[in-house]
Protein backbone atom coordinates (compact mmCIF):
# COMPACT_ATOMS: atom_id res chain seq x y z
CA MET A 1 172.11 -24.90 -59.26
CA SER A 2 172.21 -22.16 -61.87
CA ALA A 3 171.01 -22.68 -65.42
CA ALA A 4 174.58 -22.19 -66.69
CA SER A 5 176.01 -25.00 -64.53
CA MET A 6 173.09 -27.41 -64.97
CA PRO A 7 173.78 -30.45 -67.21
CA LYS A 8 171.99 -30.15 -70.55
CA TYR A 9 169.85 -33.22 -69.97
CA ARG A 10 168.66 -31.79 -66.64
CA ALA A 11 167.63 -28.54 -68.30
CA VAL A 12 165.71 -30.48 -70.97
CA GLU A 13 164.21 -32.74 -68.30
CA ARG A 14 162.79 -29.74 -66.44
CA GLN A 15 161.28 -28.36 -69.63
CA LEU A 16 159.78 -31.75 -70.47
CA ARG A 17 158.26 -32.10 -66.99
CA ALA A 18 156.60 -28.70 -67.34
CA ARG A 19 155.41 -29.61 -70.83
CA VAL A 20 154.00 -32.99 -69.83
CA ALA A 21 152.16 -31.43 -66.85
CA GLU A 22 150.03 -29.42 -69.30
CA LEU A 23 149.13 -32.38 -71.54
CA GLU A 24 146.34 -34.95 -71.28
CA ASP A 25 147.05 -38.57 -70.42
CA GLY A 26 147.93 -40.51 -73.59
CA THR A 27 149.08 -37.48 -75.59
CA LEU A 28 151.82 -38.39 -78.06
CA LEU A 29 154.95 -36.26 -77.79
CA PRO A 30 156.73 -35.00 -80.92
CA THR A 31 159.36 -37.23 -82.53
CA GLU A 32 162.87 -37.32 -81.09
CA ALA A 33 164.21 -35.55 -84.17
CA ARG A 34 161.72 -32.72 -83.73
CA MET A 35 162.37 -32.34 -80.00
CA CYS A 36 166.16 -32.40 -80.56
CA GLU A 37 165.72 -29.50 -82.93
CA GLU A 38 163.33 -27.72 -80.57
CA TYR A 39 165.61 -27.99 -77.53
CA ASP A 40 168.84 -27.72 -79.56
CA VAL A 41 170.39 -30.86 -78.06
CA SER A 42 171.75 -34.17 -79.29
CA ARG A 43 169.64 -37.31 -79.41
CA ILE A 44 171.71 -38.80 -76.58
CA THR A 45 170.92 -35.79 -74.34
CA LEU A 46 167.23 -35.89 -75.20
CA ARG A 47 166.97 -39.62 -74.51
CA ARG A 48 168.64 -39.17 -71.12
CA ALA A 49 166.07 -36.50 -70.22
CA ILE A 50 163.18 -38.70 -71.37
CA GLU A 51 164.54 -41.63 -69.36
CA GLU A 52 164.44 -39.50 -66.21
CA ILE A 53 160.77 -38.54 -66.57
CA ALA A 54 159.89 -42.06 -67.73
CA ARG A 55 161.40 -43.40 -64.50
CA ASP A 56 158.88 -41.30 -62.57
CA GLY A 57 156.02 -42.65 -64.70
CA LEU A 58 155.30 -39.35 -66.46
CA VAL A 59 155.70 -40.86 -69.94
CA THR A 60 155.80 -44.30 -71.49
CA ARG A 61 157.91 -45.23 -74.51
CA HIS A 62 156.50 -47.56 -77.15
CA ARG A 63 158.85 -48.95 -79.75
CA GLY A 64 157.70 -47.80 -83.15
CA HIS A 65 154.89 -45.68 -81.65
CA GLY A 66 156.76 -42.87 -79.89
CA THR A 67 156.52 -41.47 -76.36
CA LYS A 68 153.16 -40.87 -74.68
CA VAL A 69 152.15 -38.93 -71.59
CA SER A 70 151.28 -41.23 -68.71
CA ARG A 71 149.70 -39.41 -65.79
CA PRO A 72 150.96 -40.93 -62.50
CA ALA A 73 148.08 -42.11 -60.37
CA PRO A 74 147.85 -41.01 -56.74
CA THR A 75 149.20 -43.52 -54.25
CA THR A 76 146.80 -46.41 -53.63
CA THR A 77 146.69 -49.19 -51.09
CA GLU A 78 148.09 -51.54 -53.77
CA ASN A 79 151.15 -49.29 -54.27
CA HIS A 80 151.37 -47.67 -50.88
CA VAL A 81 153.76 -45.14 -49.46
CA GLU A 82 152.04 -43.85 -46.36
CA GLN A 83 151.32 -40.18 -46.91
CA GLY A 84 152.03 -37.58 -44.29
CA GLU A 85 154.94 -36.23 -42.30
CA HIS A 86 156.66 -36.92 -39.01
CA PHE A 87 157.75 -34.01 -36.83
CA ASP A 88 160.27 -34.19 -34.02
CA SER A 89 163.13 -32.11 -32.65
CA ARG A 90 165.47 -32.97 -35.55
CA PHE A 91 163.64 -30.85 -38.18
CA THR A 92 164.86 -33.04 -41.03
CA GLY A 93 162.11 -31.95 -43.41
CA PHE A 94 160.05 -33.94 -45.89
CA PHE A 95 162.97 -34.72 -48.21
CA GLY A 96 165.22 -35.90 -45.39
CA GLN A 97 162.50 -38.05 -43.84
CA LEU A 98 161.55 -39.96 -46.97
CA THR A 99 165.03 -40.39 -48.46
CA GLY A 100 166.16 -41.55 -45.02
CA PHE A 101 163.67 -44.42 -45.33
CA GLY A 102 165.02 -45.33 -48.77
CA HIS A 103 162.35 -43.64 -50.91
CA ARG A 104 163.06 -41.57 -54.00
CA VAL A 105 161.76 -38.02 -53.67
CA HIS A 106 161.39 -35.74 -56.67
CA SER A 107 159.70 -32.38 -57.19
CA ASP A 108 158.35 -30.51 -60.19
CA ILE A 109 159.14 -26.83 -59.65
CA LEU A 110 155.92 -25.17 -60.79
CA GLU A 111 156.77 -21.60 -59.80
CA PHE A 112 159.70 -19.77 -58.22
CA GLY A 113 159.61 -15.99 -58.07
CA LEU A 114 158.40 -12.84 -56.34
CA VAL A 115 154.73 -12.50 -55.34
CA ARG A 116 152.65 -10.26 -53.09
CA ALA A 117 152.09 -11.57 -49.59
CA ASN A 118 148.50 -12.46 -48.77
CA THR A 119 147.10 -12.21 -45.23
CA SER A 120 148.32 -15.66 -44.11
CA VAL A 121 151.83 -15.21 -45.51
CA ALA A 122 152.17 -11.68 -44.17
CA GLY A 123 151.08 -12.75 -40.70
CA ALA A 124 153.43 -15.73 -40.59
CA LEU A 125 156.49 -13.85 -41.89
CA ARG A 126 155.65 -10.65 -39.99
CA VAL A 127 155.70 -8.47 -43.09
CA ASP A 128 153.22 -5.99 -44.47
CA ARG A 129 150.32 -7.39 -46.48
CA HIS A 130 150.95 -7.11 -50.24
CA SER A 131 154.71 -6.69 -49.72
CA GLU A 132 156.98 -8.70 -52.02
CA VAL A 133 158.10 -12.15 -50.85
CA LEU A 134 159.75 -15.04 -52.67
CA HIS A 135 157.44 -17.96 -53.45
CA MET A 136 158.20 -21.53 -54.56
CA SER A 137 155.52 -24.05 -55.59
CA ARG A 138 156.38 -27.74 -55.92
CA ARG A 139 154.44 -30.86 -56.92
CA ARG A 140 156.19 -33.58 -54.93
CA TYR A 141 156.53 -37.25 -55.78
CA VAL A 142 157.56 -40.27 -53.73
CA ASP A 143 158.78 -43.27 -55.73
CA GLY A 144 157.10 -41.83 -58.83
CA ASN A 145 153.70 -41.26 -57.21
CA VAL A 146 152.21 -37.80 -56.72
CA HIS A 147 152.33 -37.13 -53.00
CA GLN A 148 151.56 -33.48 -52.26
CA LEU A 149 151.49 -29.90 -53.47
CA SER A 150 153.87 -27.78 -51.43
CA ARG A 151 154.11 -23.99 -51.40
CA THR A 152 156.85 -22.09 -49.59
CA TRP A 153 157.26 -18.35 -48.99
CA PHE A 154 160.55 -16.80 -47.86
CA GLY A 155 161.14 -13.58 -45.96
CA PRO A 156 162.11 -10.74 -48.32
CA GLY A 157 165.83 -10.59 -49.11
CA ARG A 158 166.66 -13.31 -46.58
CA PHE A 159 168.18 -15.80 -49.04
CA PRO A 160 169.72 -13.99 -52.02
CA GLY A 161 170.10 -16.16 -55.11
CA ILE A 162 168.09 -19.07 -53.75
CA GLU A 163 165.79 -18.95 -56.79
CA THR A 164 168.71 -20.24 -58.90
CA GLU A 165 168.92 -23.45 -56.86
CA ASP A 166 167.48 -26.65 -58.29
CA PHE A 167 165.14 -28.14 -55.69
CA SER A 168 163.82 -30.92 -57.91
CA GLU A 169 166.02 -33.42 -56.04
CA GLN A 170 167.49 -31.36 -53.20
CA SER A 171 166.52 -30.76 -49.59
CA LEU A 172 165.35 -27.20 -48.96
CA TYR A 173 166.25 -27.33 -45.28
CA GLY A 174 169.65 -28.78 -46.15
CA CYS A 175 170.33 -25.97 -48.62
CA LEU A 176 169.32 -23.27 -46.13
CA GLU A 177 171.67 -24.69 -43.51
CA GLU A 178 174.64 -25.45 -45.77
CA LYS A 179 174.55 -22.38 -48.03
CA TYR A 180 172.99 -19.71 -45.80
CA GLY A 181 173.86 -20.96 -42.33
CA VAL A 182 170.21 -20.90 -41.25
CA SER A 183 168.81 -23.82 -39.29
CA ILE A 184 165.37 -24.26 -37.78
CA ALA A 185 165.16 -23.60 -34.06
CA GLN A 186 161.36 -23.74 -33.87
CA GLN A 187 158.44 -24.81 -36.07
CA ASP A 188 154.87 -23.68 -35.54
CA LEU A 189 152.44 -26.16 -37.10
CA SER A 190 148.77 -26.07 -37.99
CA VAL A 191 146.93 -29.11 -39.36
CA SER A 192 143.45 -29.06 -40.90
CA LEU A 193 141.15 -30.77 -43.37
CA ARG A 194 139.95 -28.89 -46.45
CA VAL A 195 138.74 -29.52 -49.98
CA PRO A 196 141.50 -28.66 -52.49
CA SER A 197 140.83 -25.78 -54.85
CA ARG A 198 140.22 -26.52 -58.52
CA ASP A 199 143.78 -25.51 -59.40
CA GLU A 200 145.20 -27.71 -56.63
CA ALA A 201 143.04 -30.67 -57.68
CA ARG A 202 144.12 -30.31 -61.31
CA THR A 203 147.79 -30.07 -60.32
CA LEU A 204 147.54 -33.18 -58.11
CA GLY A 205 145.29 -35.21 -60.42
CA ILE A 206 142.44 -35.28 -57.86
CA THR A 207 139.01 -35.93 -59.36
CA ASP A 208 136.77 -36.04 -56.27
CA ARG A 209 135.73 -33.33 -53.78
CA GLN A 210 136.74 -35.10 -50.58
CA PRO A 211 138.68 -33.16 -47.91
CA ARG A 212 142.44 -33.61 -47.80
CA LEU A 213 144.96 -33.07 -45.05
CA SER A 214 146.44 -29.58 -45.16
CA LEU A 215 149.53 -28.50 -43.26
CA GLN A 216 150.84 -25.01 -42.48
CA ILE A 217 154.37 -24.49 -41.14
CA THR A 218 156.19 -21.39 -39.91
CA ALA A 219 159.93 -21.93 -39.39
CA CYS A 220 161.93 -19.66 -37.09
CA SER A 221 165.68 -19.29 -36.64
CA SER A 222 167.52 -19.13 -33.32
CA ASP A 223 166.80 -15.38 -33.03
CA GLY A 224 163.07 -16.12 -33.03
CA GLU A 225 162.50 -14.51 -36.42
CA PRO A 226 160.34 -16.39 -38.97
CA PHE A 227 162.17 -16.98 -42.22
CA LEU A 228 159.88 -19.44 -43.97
CA TYR A 229 156.16 -20.15 -44.22
CA GLY A 230 154.84 -23.24 -45.99
CA GLU A 231 151.52 -24.81 -46.93
CA SER A 232 151.04 -28.37 -48.15
CA VAL A 233 148.01 -30.33 -49.32
CA PHE A 234 148.25 -34.11 -49.64
CA VAL A 235 146.81 -36.31 -52.38
CA SER A 236 145.71 -39.20 -50.21
CA THR A 237 142.47 -39.08 -48.22
CA ASP A 238 144.13 -41.02 -45.35
CA ALA A 239 147.34 -39.02 -44.87
CA HIS A 240 148.67 -38.72 -41.32
CA ILE A 241 150.77 -36.26 -39.36
CA TYR A 242 152.96 -37.76 -36.62
CA PHE A 243 154.47 -35.83 -33.72
CA THR A 244 157.20 -36.91 -31.33
CA ALA A 245 157.14 -34.75 -28.22
CA GLY A 246 160.00 -34.62 -25.76
CA GLY A 247 160.23 -33.23 -22.26
CA ASN A 248 162.54 -32.80 -19.33
CA ARG A 249 163.05 -35.91 -17.26
CA PRO A 250 162.41 -35.48 -13.53
CA GLU A 251 165.57 -35.43 -11.45
CA ASN A 252 164.07 -37.83 -8.90
CA PRO A 253 161.88 -40.33 -10.73
């Protein structure tokens, strides 16, 4: 979705999410009157935007005391959505999996633009190291709880205009298939444990130095060419990756 076609409250919501992400828990936001002036919107539009981020637990509203930042806690056993992903031949993706089970999935788009390919990205996408590729970084939530940090790199020039899409509440795989006619024929997966970097820990609200599950995916189209490389690190220390493997049935069992 382009900025021009995006509803005003959605545009304000995205700005508020980015703003809140940089603030400490308990920080008081400016008054509604001041934010209406800052974002050049009506009070009705501003309130709709605040309601959206409040629904995800990013802020709390106190009558007579304003709106405060409320940092969502990582998923716990008391409020549990099992963390991880399930891979089978359907390639539905993270968004499709979780919404299919009735969960609400939302993403903060932290970055979307051109970057230089590092060694891992270049190798996966079969491009020269330091060549320009498109990169998207998302902090992903399930039912309002921080779930994972996801980074995706796209082959250069493969999906023109994709950076104008709004992936805060949209399936990436669905968009690639519907808008660009590209579906996944093969996924190469690598799973490991590693300690998140300081930037990753800060983004995910992690305060310890325990290893987390890390996932690397290379997606290929039917011609065998890689068009997407992704890396994810999960918040939970007990995340799981599930695989469903199929095979040819014997003709004479």
